Amino acid sequence: MVLFDRILHTDFFQLGAGDVVGYQHVFWFYSHPALYTMVIPGFGIISEVIATNSRKPMFGYRMMALSMLAIMILAYPVWAHHMFVAGMFGRLRIALMRTSP
């Protein structure tokens, strides 16, 4: 969308004409799950290395796998807690507030 603004002269994020809060939504909708895509492989690697070096099966392997899956699924709606003070509609404030930790 930024490239469209620069190359095709659209008005997605132009000050005064575009939607600045829309840019924040796009940024956090991408960036929040991207953080978890960097962290989750580390969780898996550490748990496998510890299990291999101790020569014992990992305790709670199924729950570990399910918790990583839950983190991946829940990462998408959590972007909204960054938008809590962005001047959103009054009806959305409660929903955005509930996504905040």
PDB file of N, CA and C in Angstrom:
ATOM      1  N   MET A   1       0.825  -1.188   0.000  1.00  0.00           N
ATOM      2  CA  MET A   1       0.000   0.000   0.000  1.00  0.00           C
ATOM      3  C   MET A   1       0.873   1.256   0.000  1.00  0.00           C
ATOM      4  N   VAL A   2       2.001   1.187   0.690  1.00  0.00           N
ATOM      5  CA  VAL A   2       2.920   2.323   0.664  1.00  0.00           C
ATOM      6  C   VAL A   2       3.510   2.488  -0.730  1.00  0.00           C
ATOM      7  N   LEU A   3       3.834   1.363  -1.374  1.00  0.00           N
ATOM      8  CA  LEU A   3       4.344   1.440  -2.744  1.00  0.00           C
ATOM      9  C   LEU A   3       3.301   2.027  -3.691  1.00  0.00           C
ATOM     10  N   PHE A   4       2.027   1.647  -3.501  1.00  0.00           N
ATOM     11  CA  PHE A   4       0.964   2.231  -4.320  1.00  0.00           C
ATOM     12  C   PHE A   4       0.908   3.738  -4.130  1.00  0.00           C
ATOM     13  N   ASP A   5       1.075   4.195  -2.879  1.00  0.00           N
ATOM     14  CA  ASP A   5       1.090   5.640  -2.618  1.00  0.00           C
ATOM     15  C   ASP A   5       2.251   6.328  -3.338  1.00  0.00           C
ATOM     16  N   ARG A   6       3.405   5.698  -3.303  1.00  0.00           N
ATOM     17  CA  ARG A   6       4.583   6.326  -3.906  1.00  0.00           C
ATOM     18  C   ARG A   6       4.577   6.251  -5.423  1.00  0.00           C
ATOM     19  N   ILE A   7       4.209   5.097  -5.962  1.00  0.00           N
ATOM     20  CA  ILE A   7       4.318   4.895  -7.408  1.00  0.00           C
ATOM     21  C   ILE A   7       3.058   5.331  -8.150  1.00  0.00           C
ATOM     22  N   LEU A   8       1.899   4.914  -7.664  1.00  0.00           N
ATOM     23  CA  LEU A   8       0.644   5.187  -8.363  1.00  0.00           C
ATOM     24  C   LEU A   8      -0.092   6.416  -7.828  1.00  0.00           C
ATOM     25  N   HIS A   9       0.467   7.054  -6.816  1.00  0.00           N
ATOM     26  CA  HIS A   9      -0.109   8.267  -6.219  1.00  0.00           C
ATOM     27  C   HIS A   9      -1.521   8.038  -5.678  1.00  0.00           C
ATOM     28  N   THR A  10      -1.721   6.908  -5.011  1.00  0.00           N
ATOM     29  CA  THR A  10      -2.997   6.667  -4.333  1.00  0.00           C
ATOM     30  C   THR A  10      -2.986   7.410  -3.007  1.00  0.00           C
ATOM     31  N   ASP A  11      -4.064   7.328  -2.254  1.00  0.00           N
ATOM     32  CA  ASP A  11      -4.186   8.069  -0.997  1.00  0.00           C
ATOM     33  C   ASP A  11      -4.452   7.163   0.195  1.00  0.00           C
ATOM     34  N   PHE A  12      -3.716   6.077   0.313  1.00  0.00           N
ATOM     35  CA  PHE A  12      -3.910   5.224   1.478  1.00  0.00           C
ATOM     36  C   PHE A  12      -3.387   5.885   2.745  1.00  0.00           C
ATOM     37  N   PHE A  13      -2.146   6.397   2.696  1.00  0.00           N
ATOM     38  CA  PHE A  13      -1.501   6.908   3.890  1.00  0.00           C
ATOM     39  C   PHE A  13      -1.049   8.351   3.760  1.00  0.00           C
ATOM     40  N   GLN A  14      -1.585   9.083   2.818  1.00  0.00           N
ATOM     41  CA  GLN A  14      -1.208  10.474   2.651  1.00  0.00           C
ATOM     42  C   GLN A  14      -1.829  11.306   3.771  1.00  0.00           C
ATOM     43  N   LEU A  15      -1.028  12.143   4.379  1.00  0.00           N
ATOM     44  CA  LEU A  15      -1.499  12.970   5.481  1.00  0.00           C
ATOM     45  C   LEU A  15      -2.607  13.898   4.991  1.00  0.00           C
ATOM     46  N   GLY A  16      -3.731  13.856   5.660  1.00  0.00           N
ATOM     47  CA  GLY A  16      -4.863  14.688   5.296  1.00  0.00           C
ATOM     48  C   GLY A  16      -5.847  13.979   4.392  1.00  0.00           C
ATOM     49  N   ALA A  17      -5.371  13.113   3.514  1.00  0.00           N
ATOM     50  CA  ALA A  17      -6.271  12.429   2.582  1.00  0.00           C
ATOM     51  C   ALA A  17      -6.431  10.959   2.921  1.00  0.00           C
ATOM     52  N   GLY A  18      -5.406  10.342   3.480  1.00  0.00           N
ATOM     53  CA  GLY A  18      -5.425   8.905   3.717  1.00  0.00           C
ATOM     54  C   GLY A  18      -5.794   8.554   5.140  1.00  0.00           C
ATOM     55  N   ASP A  19      -5.636   7.285   5.441  1.00  0.00           N
ATOM     56  CA  ASP A  19      -5.998   6.755   6.751  1.00  0.00           C
ATOM     57  C   ASP A  19      -4.728   6.383   7.509  1.00  0.00           C
ATOM     58  N   VAL A  20      -4.295   7.256   8.403  1.00  0.00           N
ATOM     59  CA  VAL A  20      -3.070   7.027   9.156  1.00  0.00           C
ATOM     60  C   VAL A  20      -3.250   5.861  10.122  1.00  0.00           C
ATOM     61  N   VAL A  21      -4.409   5.739  10.740  1.00  0.00           N
ATOM     62  CA  VAL A  21      -4.673   4.639  11.649  1.00  0.00           C
ATOM     63  C   VAL A  21      -4.708   3.319  10.873  1.00  0.00           C
ATOM     64  N   GLY A  22      -5.118   3.360   9.617  1.00  0.00           N
ATOM     65  CA  GLY A  22      -5.084   2.159   8.782  1.00  0.00           C
ATOM     66  C   GLY A  22      -3.669   1.634   8.619  1.00  0.00           C
ATOM     67  N   TYR A  23      -2.694   2.541   8.510  1.00  0.00           N
ATOM     68  CA  TYR A  23      -1.303   2.124   8.422  1.00  0.00           C
ATOM     69  C   TYR A  23      -0.885   1.426   9.714  1.00  0.00           C
ATOM     70  N   GLN A  24      -1.309   1.946  10.857  1.00  0.00           N
ATOM     71  CA  GLN A  24      -0.986   1.306  12.131  1.00  0.00           C
ATOM     72  C   GLN A  24      -1.580  -0.093  12.195  1.00  0.00           C
ATOM     73  N   HIS A  25      -2.812  -0.248  11.728  1.00  0.00           N
ATOM     74  CA  HIS A  25      -3.437  -1.578  11.711  1.00  0.00           C
ATOM     75  C   HIS A  25      -2.635  -2.547  10.855  1.00  0.00           C
ATOM     76  N   VAL A  26      -2.264  -2.127   9.654  1.00  0.00           N
ATOM     77  CA  VAL A  26      -1.509  -3.006   8.757  1.00  0.00           C
ATOM     78  C   VAL A  26      -0.166  -3.368   9.383  1.00  0.00           C
ATOM     79  N   PHE A  27       0.505  -2.391   9.970  1.00  0.00           N
ATOM     80  CA  PHE A  27       1.813  -2.644  10.575  1.00  0.00           C
ATOM     81  C   PHE A  27       1.716  -3.638  11.718  1.00  0.00           C
ATOM     82  N   TRP A  28       0.805  -3.407  12.662  1.00  0.00           N
ATOM     83  CA  TRP A  28       0.721  -4.296  13.819  1.00  0.00           C
ATOM     84  C   TRP A  28       0.101  -5.639  13.481  1.00  0.00           C
ATOM     85  N   PHE A  29      -0.789  -5.709  12.492  1.00  0.00           N
ATOM     86  CA  PHE A  29      -1.362  -6.994  12.098  1.00  0.00           C
ATOM     87  C   PHE A  29      -0.277  -7.898  11.529  1.00  0.00           C
ATOM     88  N   TYR A  30       0.714  -7.304  10.861  1.00  0.00           N
ATOM     89  CA  TYR A  30       1.836  -8.097  10.368  1.00  0.00           C
ATOM     90  C   TYR A  30       2.886  -8.314  11.461  1.00  0.00           C
ATOM     91  N   SER A  31       3.279  -7.270  12.149  1.00  0.00           N
ATOM     92  CA  SER A  31       4.442  -7.325  13.028  1.00  0.00           C
ATOM     93  C   SER A  31       4.218  -8.135  14.290  1.00  0.00           C
ATOM     94  N   HIS A  32       3.018  -8.137  14.818  1.00  0.00           N
ATOM     95  CA  HIS A  32       2.797  -8.885  16.056  1.00  0.00           C
ATOM     96  C   HIS A  32       2.965 -10.383  15.845  1.00  0.00           C
ATOM     97  N   PRO A  33       2.331 -11.001  14.839  1.00  0.00           N
ATOM     98  CA  PRO A  33       2.591 -12.427  14.599  1.00  0.00           C
ATOM     99  C   PRO A  33       4.024 -12.699  14.122  1.00  0.00           C
ATOM    100  N   ALA A  34       4.655 -11.745  13.464  1.00  0.00           N
ATOM    101  CA  ALA A  34       6.032 -11.956  13.009  1.00  0.00           C
ATOM    102  C   ALA A  34       6.973 -12.149  14.193  1.00  0.00           C
ATOM    103  N   LEU A  35       6.688 -11.482  15.288  1.00  0.00           N
ATOM    104  CA  LEU A  35       7.473 -11.681  16.501  1.00  0.00           C
ATOM    105  C   LEU A  35       7.387 -13.129  16.943  1.00  0.00           C
ATOM    106  N   TYR A  36       6.201 -13.690  16.930  1.00  0.00           N
ATOM    107  CA  TYR A  36       6.031 -15.066  17.375  1.00  0.00           C
ATOM    108  C   TYR A  36       6.628 -16.065  16.391  1.00  0.00           C
ATOM    109  N   THR A  37       6.677 -15.739  15.105  1.00  0.00           N
ATOM    110  CA  THR A  37       7.309 -16.656  14.163  1.00  0.00           C
ATOM    111  C   THR A  37       8.815 -16.715  14.384  1.00  0.00           C
ATOM    112  N   MET A  38       9.371 -15.719  15.061  1.00  0.00           N
ATOM    113  CA  MET A  38      10.783 -15.775  15.413  1.00  0.00           C
ATOM    114  C   MET A  38      10.999 -16.503  16.732  1.00  0.00           C
ATOM    115  N   VAL A  39      10.044 -16.442  17.644  1.00  0.00           N
ATOM    116  CA  VAL A  39      10.206 -17.017  18.972  1.00  0.00           C
ATOM    117  C   VAL A  39       9.835 -18.502  19.009  1.00  0.00           C
ATOM    118  N   ILE A  40       8.790 -18.904  18.321  1.00  0.00           N
ATOM    119  CA  ILE A  40       8.296 -20.285  18.411  1.00  0.00           C
ATOM    120  C   ILE A  40       9.334 -21.312  17.950  1.00  0.00           C
ATOM    121  N   PRO A  41      10.066 -21.104  16.844  1.00  0.00           N
ATOM    122  CA  PRO A  41      11.105 -22.086  16.512  1.00  0.00           C
ATOM    123  C   PRO A  41      12.165 -22.210  17.609  1.00  0.00           C
ATOM    124  N   GLY A  42      12.473 -21.110  18.278  1.00  0.00           N
ATOM    125  CA  GLY A  42      13.420 -21.172  19.392  1.00  0.00           C
ATOM    126  C   GLY A  42      12.908 -22.036  20.522  1.00  0.00           C
ATOM    127  N   PHE A  43      11.608 -21.910  20.837  1.00  0.00           N
ATOM    128  CA  PHE A  43      11.020 -22.777  21.863  1.00  0.00           C
ATOM    129  C   PHE A  43      11.184 -24.245  21.490  1.00  0.00           C
ATOM    130  N   GLY A  44      10.891 -24.560  20.243  1.00  0.00           N
ATOM    131  CA  GLY A  44      10.987 -25.944  19.785  1.00  0.00           C
ATOM    132  C   GLY A  44      12.417 -26.456  19.805  1.00  0.00           C
ATOM    133  N   ILE A  45      13.353 -25.629  19.357  1.00  0.00           N
ATOM    134  CA  ILE A  45      14.755 -26.045  19.318  1.00  0.00           C
ATOM    135  C   ILE A  45      15.276 -26.297  20.728  1.00  0.00           C
ATOM    136  N   ILE A  46      14.994 -25.373  21.633  1.00  0.00           N
ATOM    137  CA  ILE A  46      15.473 -25.534  23.011  1.00  0.00           C
ATOM    138  C   ILE A  46      14.893 -26.784  23.641  1.00  0.00           C
ATOM    139  N   SER A  47      13.600 -27.020  23.466  1.00  0.00           N
ATOM    140  CA  SER A  47      12.993 -28.198  24.085  1.00  0.00           C
ATOM    141  C   SER A  47      13.538 -29.498  23.490  1.00  0.00           C
ATOM    142  N   GLU A  48      13.825 -29.522  22.188  1.00  0.00           N
ATOM    143  CA  GLU A  48      14.386 -30.726  21.569  1.00  0.00           C
ATOM    144  C   GLU A  48      15.840 -30.939  21.973  1.00  0.00           C
ATOM    145  N   VAL A  49      16.616 -29.869  22.083  1.00  0.00           N
ATOM    146  CA  VAL A  49      18.017 -30.005  22.482  1.00  0.00           C
ATOM    147  C   VAL A  49      18.113 -30.516  23.908  1.00  0.00           C
ATOM    148  N   ILE A  50      17.288 -29.984  24.791  1.00  0.00           N
ATOM    149  CA  ILE A  50      17.312 -30.441  26.186  1.00  0.00           C
ATOM    150  C   ILE A  50      16.908 -31.909  26.268  1.00  0.00           C
ATOM    151  N   ALA A  51      15.878 -32.303  25.542  1.00  0.00           N
ATOM    152  CA  ALA A  51      15.437 -33.702  25.565  1.00  0.00           C
ATOM    153  C   ALA A  51      16.511 -34.623  24.980  1.00  0.00           C
ATOM    154  N   THR A  52      17.171 -34.200  23.927  1.00  0.00           N
ATOM    155  CA  THR A  52      18.207 -35.038  23.301  1.00  0.00           C
ATOM    156  C   THR A  52      19.426 -35.175  24.200  1.00  0.00           C
ATOM    157  N   ASN A  53      19.876 -34.074  24.790  1.00  0.00           N
ATOM    158  CA  ASN A  53      21.077 -34.125  25.634  1.00  0.00           C
ATOM    159  C   ASN A  53      20.835 -34.838  26.953  1.00  0.00           C
ATOM    160  N   SER A  54      19.628 -34.831  27.454  1.00  0.00           N
ATOM    161  CA  SER A  54      19.341 -35.549  28.702  1.00  0.00           C
ATOM    162  C   SER A  54      18.978 -37.011  28.439  1.00  0.00           C
ATOM    163  N   ARG A  55      18.792 -37.355  27.161  1.00  0.00           N
ATOM    164  CA  ARG A  55      18.431 -38.710  26.729  1.00  0.00           C
ATOM    165  C   ARG A  55      17.157 -39.216  27.396  1.00  0.00           C
ATOM    166  N   LYS A  56      16.256 -38.291  27.572  1.00  0.00           N
ATOM    167  CA  LYS A  56      14.945 -38.620  28.128  1.00  0.00           C
ATOM    168  C   LYS A  56      13.892 -37.978  27.240  1.00  0.00           C
ATOM    169  N   PRO A  57      12.733 -38.605  27.136  1.00  0.00           N
ATOM    170  CA  PRO A  57      11.668 -37.943  26.369  1.00  0.00           C
ATOM    171  C   PRO A  57      11.219 -36.681  27.097  1.00  0.00           C
ATOM    172  N   MET A  58      10.835 -35.694  26.305  1.00  0.00           N
ATOM    173  CA  MET A  58      10.416 -34.426  26.892  1.00  0.00           C
ATOM    174  C   MET A  58       9.094 -34.599  27.634  1.00  0.00           C
ATOM    175  N   PHE A  59       9.044 -34.098  28.842  1.00  0.00           N
ATOM    176  CA  PHE A  59       7.819 -34.159  29.633  1.00  0.00           C
ATOM    177  C   PHE A  59       6.812 -33.175  29.054  1.00  0.00           C
ATOM    178  N   GLY A  60       5.614 -33.624  28.778  1.00  0.00           N
ATOM    179  CA  GLY A  60       4.561 -32.750  28.286  1.00  0.00           C
ATOM    180  C   GLY A  60       4.736 -32.324  26.836  1.00  0.00           C
ATOM    181  N   TYR A  61       5.248 -33.229  26.000  1.00  0.00           N
ATOM    182  CA  TYR A  61       5.495 -32.879  24.595  1.00  0.00           C
ATOM    183  C   TYR A  61       4.209 -32.458  23.893  1.00  0.00           C
ATOM    184  N   ARG A  62       3.137 -33.198  24.122  1.00  0.00           N
ATOM    185  CA  ARG A  62       1.869 -32.883  23.452  1.00  0.00           C
ATOM    186  C   ARG A  62       1.351 -31.515  23.883  1.00  0.00           C
ATOM    187  N   MET A  63       1.440 -31.213  25.166  1.00  0.00           N
ATOM    188  CA  MET A  63       0.976 -29.909  25.645  1.00  0.00           C
ATOM    189  C   MET A  63       1.869 -28.778  25.138  1.00  0.00           C
ATOM    190  N   MET A  64       3.157 -29.050  25.004  1.00  0.00           N
ATOM    191  CA  MET A  64       4.073 -28.044  24.450  1.00  0.00           C
ATOM    192  C   MET A  64       3.694 -27.738  23.006  1.00  0.00           C
ATOM    193  N   ALA A  65       3.424 -28.781  22.232  1.00  0.00           N
ATOM    194  CA  ALA A  65       3.042 -28.574  20.834  1.00  0.00           C
ATOM    195  C   ALA A  65       1.705 -27.838  20.742  1.00  0.00           C
ATOM    196  N   LEU A  66       0.753 -28.193  21.582  1.00  0.00           N
ATOM    197  CA  LEU A  66      -0.553 -27.515  21.574  1.00  0.00           C
ATOM    198  C   LEU A  66      -0.429 -26.059  22.020  1.00  0.00           C
ATOM    199  N   SER A  67       0.440 -25.796  22.984  1.00  0.00           N
ATOM    200  CA  SER A  67       0.598 -24.414  23.442  1.00  0.00           C
ATOM    201  C   SER A  67       1.247 -23.546  22.357  1.00  0.00           C
ATOM    202  N   MET A  68       2.190 -24.112  21.608  1.00  0.00           N
ATOM    203  CA  MET A  68       2.782 -23.342  20.511  1.00  0.00           C
ATOM    204  C   MET A  68       1.757 -23.083  19.416  1.00  0.00           C
ATOM    205  N   LEU A  69       0.890 -24.042  19.162  1.00  0.00           N
ATOM    206  CA  LEU A  69      -0.182 -23.843  18.194  1.00  0.00           C
ATOM    207  C   LEU A  69      -1.149 -22.759  18.676  1.00  0.00           C
ATOM    208  N   ALA A  70      -1.473 -22.772  19.960  1.00  0.00           N
ATOM    209  CA  ALA A  70      -2.364 -21.742  20.515  1.00  0.00           C
ATOM    210  C   ALA A  70      -1.729 -20.358  20.437  1.00  0.00           C
ATOM    211  N   ILE A  71      -0.420 -20.271  20.676  1.00  0.00           N
ATOM    212  CA  ILE A  71       0.272 -18.988  20.558  1.00  0.00           C
ATOM    213  C   ILE A  71       0.179 -18.472  19.133  1.00  0.00           C
ATOM    214  N   MET A  72       0.361 -19.361  18.157  1.00  0.00           N
ATOM    215  CA  MET A  72       0.287 -18.946  16.757  1.00  0.00           C
ATOM    216  C   MET A  72      -1.105 -18.439  16.403  1.00  0.00           C
ATOM    217  N   ILE A  73      -2.132 -19.108  16.890  1.00  0.00           N
ATOM    218  CA  ILE A  73      -3.509 -18.714  16.565  1.00  0.00           C
ATOM    219  C   ILE A  73      -3.879 -17.405  17.266  1.00  0.00           C
ATOM    220  N   LEU A  74      -3.500 -17.272  18.518  1.00  0.00           N
ATOM    221  CA  LEU A  74      -3.874 -16.082  19.287  1.00  0.00           C
ATOM    222  C   LEU A  74      -3.031 -14.855  18.945  1.00  0.00           C
ATOM    223  N   ALA A  75      -1.953 -15.027  18.210  1.00  0.00           N
ATOM    224  CA  ALA A  75      -1.087 -13.890  17.879  1.00  0.00           C
ATOM    225  C   ALA A  75      -1.774 -12.902  16.948  1.00  0.00           C
ATOM    226  N   TYR A  76      -2.693 -13.356  16.113  1.00  0.00           N
ATOM    227  CA  TYR A  76      -3.318 -12.449  15.146  1.00  0.00           C
ATOM    228  C   TYR A  76      -4.280 -11.443  15.779  1.00  0.00           C
ATOM    229  N   PRO A  77      -5.216 -11.840  16.640  1.00  0.00           N
ATOM    230  CA  PRO A  77      -6.097 -10.806  17.178  1.00  0.00           C
ATOM    231  C   PRO A  77      -5.440  -9.897  18.214  1.00  0.00           C
ATOM    232  N   VAL A  78      -4.279 -10.267  18.701  1.00  0.00           N
ATOM    233  CA  VAL A  78      -3.641  -9.480  19.749  1.00  0.00           C
ATOM    234  C   VAL A  78      -3.050  -8.173  19.215  1.00  0.00           C
ATOM    235  N   TRP A  79      -2.942  -8.038  17.877  1.00  0.00           N
ATOM    236  CA  TRP A  79      -2.427  -6.776  17.336  1.00  0.00           C
ATOM    237  C   TRP A  79      -3.276  -5.612  17.828  1.00  0.00           C
ATOM    238  N   ALA A  80      -4.524  -5.884  18.154  1.00  0.00           N
ATOM    239  CA  ALA A  80      -5.448  -4.812  18.521  1.00  0.00           C
ATOM    240  C   ALA A  80      -5.051  -4.114  19.813  1.00  0.00           C
ATOM    241  N   HIS A  81      -4.286  -4.763  20.701  1.00  0.00           N
ATOM    242  CA  HIS A  81      -3.943  -4.060  21.939  1.00  0.00           C
ATOM    243  C   HIS A  81      -2.981  -2.906  21.676  1.00  0.00           C
ATOM    244  N   HIS A  82      -2.323  -2.895  20.530  1.00  0.00           N
ATOM    245  CA  HIS A  82      -1.505  -1.742  20.173  1.00  0.00           C
ATOM    246  C   HIS A  82      -2.371  -0.577  19.692  1.00  0.00           C
ATOM    247  N   MET A  83      -3.599  -0.873  19.321  1.00  0.00           N
ATOM    248  CA  MET A  83      -4.495   0.136  18.769  1.00  0.00           C
ATOM    249  C   MET A  83      -5.449   0.711  19.817  1.00  0.00           C
ATOM    250  N   PHE A  84      -5.291   0.316  21.079  1.00  0.00           N
ATOM    251  CA  PHE A  84      -6.232   0.698  22.125  1.00  0.00           C
ATOM    252  C   PHE A  84      -6.352   2.210  22.289  1.00  0.00           C
ATOM    253  N   VAL A  85      -5.270   2.944  22.130  1.00  0.00           N
ATOM    254  CA  VAL A  85      -5.305   4.398  22.335  1.00  0.00           C
ATOM    255  C   VAL A  85      -5.185   5.166  21.023  1.00  0.00           C
ATOM    256  N   ALA A  86      -5.509   4.539  19.900  1.00  0.00           N
ATOM    257  CA  ALA A  86      -5.313   5.171  18.593  1.00  0.00           C
ATOM    258  C   ALA A  86      -6.508   5.995  18.139  1.00  0.00           C
ATOM    259  N   GLY A  87      -7.463   6.243  19.006  1.00  0.00           N
ATOM    260  CA  GLY A  87      -8.615   7.032  18.615  1.00  0.00           C
ATOM    261  C   GLY A  87      -9.636   6.237  17.821  1.00  0.00           C
ATOM    262  N   MET A  88      -9.921   5.032  18.262  1.00  0.00           N
ATOM    263  CA  MET A  88     -10.871   4.169  17.569  1.00  0.00           C
ATOM    264  C   MET A  88     -12.303   4.523  17.995  1.00  0.00           C
ATOM    265  N   PHE A  89     -13.262   3.885  17.355  1.00  0.00           N
ATOM    266  CA  PHE A  89     -14.662   4.096  17.698  1.00  0.00           C
ATOM    267  C   PHE A  89     -14.926   3.653  19.136  1.00  0.00           C
ATOM    268  N   GLY A  90     -15.893   4.294  19.781  1.00  0.00           N
ATOM    269  CA  GLY A  90     -16.221   3.967  21.162  1.00  0.00           C
ATOM    270  C   GLY A  90     -16.652   2.529  21.360  1.00  0.00           C
ATOM    271  N   ARG A  91     -17.357   1.965  20.399  1.00  0.00           N
ATOM    272  CA  ARG A  91     -17.813   0.567  20.528  1.00  0.00           C
ATOM    273  C   ARG A  91     -16.651  -0.420  20.506  1.00  0.00           C
ATOM    274  N   LEU A  92     -15.570  -0.057  19.856  1.00  0.00           N
ATOM    275  CA  LEU A  92     -14.432  -0.970  19.749  1.00  0.00           C
ATOM    276  C   LEU A  92     -13.501  -0.907  20.961  1.00  0.00           C
ATOM    277  N   ARG A  93     -13.636   0.103  21.782  1.00  0.00           N
ATOM    278  CA  ARG A  93     -12.714   0.255  22.901  1.00  0.00           C
ATOM    279  C   ARG A  93     -12.730  -0.928  23.857  1.00  0.00           C
ATOM    280  N   ILE A  94     -13.888  -1.464  24.153  1.00  0.00           N
ATOM    281  CA  ILE A  94     -13.976  -2.590  25.088  1.00  0.00           C
ATOM    282  C   ILE A  94     -13.303  -3.815  24.490  1.00  0.00           C
ATOM    283  N   ALA A  95     -13.560  -4.094  23.209  1.00  0.00           N
ATOM    284  CA  ALA A  95     -12.923  -5.251  22.577  1.00  0.00           C
ATOM    285  C   ALA A  95     -11.407  -5.092  22.507  1.00  0.00           C
ATOM    286  N   LEU A  96     -10.939  -3.897  22.176  1.00  0.00           N
ATOM    287  CA  LEU A  96      -9.499  -3.661  22.122  1.00  0.00           C
ATOM    288  C   LEU A  96      -8.883  -3.693  23.504  1.00  0.00           C
ATOM    289  N   MET A  97      -9.620  -3.231  24.500  1.00  0.00           N
ATOM    290  CA  MET A  97      -9.119  -3.251  25.864  1.00  0.00           C
ATOM    291  C   MET A  97      -8.951  -4.697  26.358  1.00  0.00           C
ATOM    292  N   ARG A  98      -9.842  -5.578  25.965  1.00  0.00           N
ATOM    293  CA  ARG A  98      -9.763  -6.971  26.413  1.00  0.00           C
ATOM    294  C   ARG A  98      -8.595  -7.724  25.791  1.00  0.00           C
ATOM    295  N   THR A  99      -8.084  -7.251  24.672  1.00  0.00           N
ATOM    296  CA  THR A  99      -6.922  -7.913  24.070  1.00  0.00           C
ATOM    297  C   THR A  99      -5.623  -7.465  24.710  1.00  0.00           C
ATOM    298  N   SER A 100      -5.674  -6.459  25.555  1.00  0.00           N
ATOM    299  CA  SER A 100      -4.457  -5.994  26.221  1.00  0.00           C
ATOM    300  C   SER A 100      -4.136  -6.897  27.408  1.00  0.00           C
ATOM    301  N   PRO A 101      -2.840  -7.167  27.608  1.00  0.00           N
ATOM    302  CA  PRO A 101      -2.466  -8.033  28.738  1.00  0.00           C
ATOM    303  C   PRO A 101      -2.650  -7.361  30.073  1.00  0.00           C
TER     304      PRO A 101
END
